[in-house]
């Protein structure tokens, strides 16, 4: 029973940590001086009228209060809907899926190299006998 409580407590802490990080990132994005509509429009900002900006804000939910935006985003993420990438013109989950192989290969290579370099460094410092004792 004690093991189950420990696992449950750790799981609850991890969920709370994830929620806290998500909220912190959301708040940082909301306080950013960069307007997401301006960033989306880029050079076309000069030709976009207030009506077009209002349409974009409504389509993205930016016309809602911050807590509504966060809860809507969290709900979508929990359902597996990560949104749509305007850069790649594809769903974010698809973009991530297309690139995860290369990321995992680079991560694995970095772990392997750091392990080998650490092993080599310990051999140089202590010699082969220092690894045993």
C-alpha atoms as a PDB file:
ATOM      1  CA  UNK A   1       0.000   0.000   0.000  1.00  0.00           C
ATOM      2  CA  UNK A   2       2.878   2.355   0.800  1.00  0.00           C
ATOM      3  CA  UNK A   3       4.292   1.876  -2.718  1.00  0.00           C
ATOM      4  CA  UNK A   4       0.931   2.779  -4.254  1.00  0.00           C
ATOM      5  CA  UNK A   5       0.773   5.986  -2.217  1.00  0.00           C
ATOM      6  CA  UNK A   6       4.299   6.901  -3.230  1.00  0.00           C
ATOM      7  CA  UNK A   7       3.560   6.311  -6.908  1.00  0.00           C
ATOM      8  CA  UNK A   8       0.283   8.239  -6.654  1.00  0.00           C
ATOM      9  CA  UNK A   9       1.993  11.154  -4.888  1.00  0.00           C
ATOM     10  CA  UNK A  10       4.727  11.309  -7.536  1.00  0.00           C
ATOM     11  CA  UNK A  11       2.183  11.137 -10.330  1.00  0.00           C
ATOM     12  CA  UNK A  12       0.174  13.979  -8.789  1.00  0.00           C
ATOM     13  CA  UNK A  13       3.350  16.077  -8.412  1.00  0.00           C
ATOM     14  CA  UNK A  14       4.261  15.463 -12.050  1.00  0.00           C
ATOM     15  CA  UNK A  15       0.795  16.484 -13.239  1.00  0.00           C
ATOM     16  CA  UNK A  16       0.916  19.628 -11.085  1.00  0.00           C
ATOM     17  CA  UNK A  17       4.389  20.453 -12.395  1.00  0.00           C
ATOM     18  CA  UNK A  18       3.250  20.026 -15.987  1.00  0.00           C
ATOM     19  CA  UNK A  19       0.201  22.234 -15.365  1.00  0.00           C
ATOM     20  CA  UNK A  20       2.361  24.893 -13.686  1.00  0.00           C
ATOM     21  CA  UNK A  21       4.853  24.947 -16.551  1.00  0.00           C
ATOM     22  CA  UNK A  22       2.033  25.129 -19.115  1.00  0.00           C
ATOM     23  CA  UNK A  23       0.437  28.027 -17.242  1.00  0.00           C
ATOM     24  CA  UNK A  24       3.777  29.833 -16.875  1.00  0.00           C
ATOM     25  CA  UNK A  25       4.524  29.520 -20.597  1.00  0.00           C
ATOM     26  CA  UNK A  26       1.010  30.688 -21.450  1.00  0.00           C
ATOM     27  CA  UNK A  27       1.380  33.736 -19.195  1.00  0.00           C
ATOM     28  CA  UNK A  28       4.776  34.554 -20.693  1.00  0.00           C
ATOM     29  CA  UNK A  29       3.257  34.410 -24.166  1.00  0.00           C
ATOM     30  CA  UNK A  30       0.359  36.642 -23.093  1.00  0.00           C
ATOM     31  CA  UNK A  31       2.744  39.252 -21.650  1.00  0.00           C
ATOM     32  CA  UNK A  32       5.005  39.182 -24.693  1.00  0.00           C
ATOM     33  CA  UNK A  33       5.309  42.524 -26.479  1.00  0.00           C
ATOM     34  CA  UNK A  34       4.887  40.713 -29.808  1.00  0.00           C
ATOM     35  CA  UNK A  35       1.296  40.756 -31.032  1.00  0.00           C
ATOM     36  CA  UNK A  36       0.516  37.333 -32.548  1.00  0.00           C
ATOM     37  CA  UNK A  37      -1.682  38.885 -35.224  1.00  0.00           C
ATOM     38  CA  UNK A  38       1.083  41.277 -36.275  1.00  0.00           C
ATOM     39  CA  UNK A  39       3.556  38.385 -36.365  1.00  0.00           C
ATOM     40  CA  UNK A  40       1.150  36.334 -38.473  1.00  0.00           C
ATOM     41  CA  UNK A  41       0.490  39.142 -40.929  1.00  0.00           C
ATOM     42  CA  UNK A  42       4.138  40.111 -41.313  1.00  0.00           C
ATOM     43  CA  UNK A  43       4.600  42.685 -44.085  1.00  0.00           C
ATOM     44  CA  UNK A  44       0.878  42.492 -44.897  1.00  0.00           C
ATOM     45  CA  UNK A  45       0.177  44.318 -41.626  1.00  0.00           C
ATOM     46  CA  UNK A  46       0.171  47.590 -43.547  1.00  0.00           C
ATOM     47  CA  UNK A  47      -2.737  46.456 -45.724  1.00  0.00           C
ATOM     48  CA  UNK A  48      -4.794  44.671 -43.053  1.00  0.00           C
ATOM     49  CA  UNK A  49      -7.713  46.654 -41.751  1.00  0.00           C
ATOM     50  CA  UNK A  50      -9.240  46.516 -38.286  1.00  0.00           C
ATOM     51  CA  UNK A  51     -12.003  44.217 -39.553  1.00  0.00           C
ATOM     52  CA  UNK A  52      -9.480  41.657 -40.802  1.00  0.00           C
ATOM     53  CA  UNK A  53      -7.533  41.840 -37.547  1.00  0.00           C
ATOM     54  CA  UNK A  54     -10.773  41.307 -35.607  1.00  0.00           C
ATOM     55  CA  UNK A  55     -11.620  38.284 -37.773  1.00  0.00           C
ATOM     56  CA  UNK A  56      -8.209  36.730 -37.143  1.00  0.00           C
ATOM     57  CA  UNK A  57      -8.497  37.411 -33.401  1.00  0.00           C
ATOM     58  CA  UNK A  58     -11.939  35.796 -33.316  1.00  0.00           C
ATOM     59  CA  UNK A  59     -10.787  32.778 -35.341  1.00  0.00           C
ATOM     60  CA  UNK A  60      -7.859  32.215 -32.975  1.00  0.00           C
ATOM     61  CA  UNK A  61      -9.888  32.947 -29.839  1.00  0.00           C
ATOM     62  CA  UNK A  62      -7.756  35.955 -28.966  1.00  0.00           C
ATOM     63  CA  UNK A  63     -10.880  38.003 -28.370  1.00  0.00           C
ATOM     64  CA  UNK A  64     -11.672  35.821 -25.313  1.00  0.00           C
ATOM     65  CA  UNK A  65     -10.412  36.432 -21.755  1.00  0.00           C
ATOM     66  CA  UNK A  66      -7.041  34.862 -20.930  1.00  0.00           C
ATOM     67  CA  UNK A  67      -8.458  32.164 -18.639  1.00  0.00           C
ATOM     68  CA  UNK A  68     -10.908  31.071 -21.366  1.00  0.00           C
ATOM     69  CA  UNK A  69      -8.047  30.922 -23.884  1.00  0.00           C
ATOM     70  CA  UNK A  70      -5.914  28.806 -21.545  1.00  0.00           C
ATOM     71  CA  UNK A  71      -8.708  26.378 -20.680  1.00  0.00           C
ATOM     72  CA  UNK A  72      -9.646  26.014 -24.358  1.00  0.00           C
ATOM     73  CA  UNK A  73      -6.011  25.320 -25.262  1.00  0.00           C
ATOM     74  CA  UNK A  74      -5.607  22.826 -22.412  1.00  0.00           C
ATOM     75  CA  UNK A  75      -8.800  21.041 -23.456  1.00  0.00           C
ATOM     76  CA  UNK A  76      -7.580  20.724 -27.032  1.00  0.00           C
ATOM     77  CA  UNK A  77      -4.188  19.408 -25.898  1.00  0.00           C
ATOM     78  CA  UNK A  78      -5.804  16.836 -23.599  1.00  0.00           C
ATOM     79  CA  UNK A  79      -7.863  15.613 -26.563  1.00  0.00           C
ATOM     80  CA  UNK A  80      -4.711  15.333 -28.688  1.00  0.00           C
ATOM     81  CA  UNK A  81      -5.407  18.400 -30.832  1.00  0.00           C
ATOM     82  CA  UNK A  82      -2.152  20.371 -30.796  1.00  0.00           C
ATOM     83  CA  UNK A  83      -3.392  22.930 -33.300  1.00  0.00           C
ATOM     84  CA  UNK A  84      -2.381  23.962 -36.794  1.00  0.00           C
ATOM     85  CA  UNK A  85       1.034  25.283 -37.818  1.00  0.00           C
ATOM     86  CA  UNK A  86       0.728  28.409 -39.920  1.00  0.00           C
ATOM     87  CA  UNK A  87       4.414  28.075 -40.791  1.00  0.00           C
ATOM     88  CA  UNK A  88       4.184  24.551 -42.215  1.00  0.00           C
ATOM     89  CA  UNK A  89       0.489  24.685 -43.162  1.00  0.00           C
ATOM     90  CA  UNK A  90      -0.130  21.349 -41.435  1.00  0.00           C
ATOM     91  CA  UNK A  91      -1.367  20.029 -38.081  1.00  0.00           C
ATOM     92  CA  UNK A  92       1.250  20.454 -35.333  1.00  0.00           C
ATOM     93  CA  UNK A  93       1.049  16.748 -34.423  1.00  0.00           C
ATOM     94  CA  UNK A  94       1.931  15.847 -38.017  1.00  0.00           C
ATOM     95  CA  UNK A  95       4.814  18.324 -38.111  1.00  0.00           C
ATOM     96  CA  UNK A  96       6.177  16.919 -34.842  1.00  0.00           C
ATOM     97  CA  UNK A  97       5.717  13.343 -36.066  1.00  0.00           C
ATOM     98  CA  UNK A  98       7.631  14.076 -39.263  1.00  0.00           C
ATOM     99  CA  UNK A  99      10.592  15.442 -37.297  1.00  0.00           C
ATOM    100  CA  UNK A 100      10.704  13.191 -34.228  1.00  0.00           C
ATOM    101  CA  UNK A 101      12.983  10.623 -35.899  1.00  0.00           C
ATOM    102  CA  UNK A 102      15.755  13.116 -36.524  1.00  0.00           C
ATOM    103  CA  UNK A 103      15.376  14.550 -33.011  1.00  0.00           C
ATOM    104  CA  UNK A 104      15.623  11.102 -31.426  1.00  0.00           C
ATOM    105  CA  UNK A 105      18.668  10.244 -33.537  1.00  0.00           C
ATOM    106  CA  UNK A 106      20.430  13.442 -32.469  1.00  0.00           C
ATOM    107  CA  UNK A 107      19.489  12.867 -28.826  1.00  0.00           C
ATOM    108  CA  UNK A 108      20.776   9.286 -28.927  1.00  0.00           C
ATOM    109  CA  UNK A 109      24.018  10.382 -30.544  1.00  0.00           C
ATOM    110  CA  UNK A 110      24.495  13.101 -27.919  1.00  0.00           C
ATOM    111  CA  UNK A 111      23.932  10.598 -25.090  1.00  0.00           C
ATOM    112  CA  UNK A 112      26.352   8.146 -26.669  1.00  0.00           C
ATOM    113  CA  UNK A 113      29.053  10.770 -27.192  1.00  0.00           C
ATOM    114  CA  UNK A 114      28.647  12.191 -23.682  1.00  0.00           C
ATOM    115  CA  UNK A 115      28.928   8.692 -22.216  1.00  0.00           C
ATOM    116  CA  UNK A 116      32.018   7.877 -24.243  1.00  0.00           C
ATOM    117  CA  UNK A 117      33.644  11.217 -23.466  1.00  0.00           C
ATOM    118  CA  UNK A 118      32.864  10.802 -19.761  1.00  0.00           C
ATOM    119  CA  UNK A 119      34.332   7.308 -19.766  1.00  0.00           C
ATOM    120  CA  UNK A 120      37.437   8.541 -21.603  1.00  0.00           C
ATOM    121  CA  UNK A 121      37.826  11.459 -19.171  1.00  0.00           C
ATOM    122  CA  UNK A 122      37.631   9.114 -16.187  1.00  0.00           C
ATOM    123  CA  UNK A 123      40.275   6.864 -17.729  1.00  0.00           C
ATOM    124  CA  UNK A 124      42.608   9.810 -18.270  1.00  0.00           C
ATOM    125  CA  UNK A 125      42.167  11.057 -14.717  1.00  0.00           C
ATOM    126  CA  UNK A 126      42.221   7.795 -12.766  1.00  0.00           C
ATOM    127  CA  UNK A 127      43.597   5.243 -15.163  1.00  0.00           C
ATOM    128  CA  UNK A 128      41.998   1.831 -15.687  1.00  0.00           C
ATOM    129  CA  UNK A 129      42.572   0.854 -12.042  1.00  0.00           C
ATOM    130  CA  UNK A 130      40.579   3.844 -10.796  1.00  0.00           C
ATOM    131  CA  UNK A 131      37.430   2.503 -12.418  1.00  0.00           C
ATOM    132  CA  UNK A 132      37.439  -0.661 -10.309  1.00  0.00           C
ATOM    133  CA  UNK A 133      38.069   0.752  -6.852  1.00  0.00           C
END
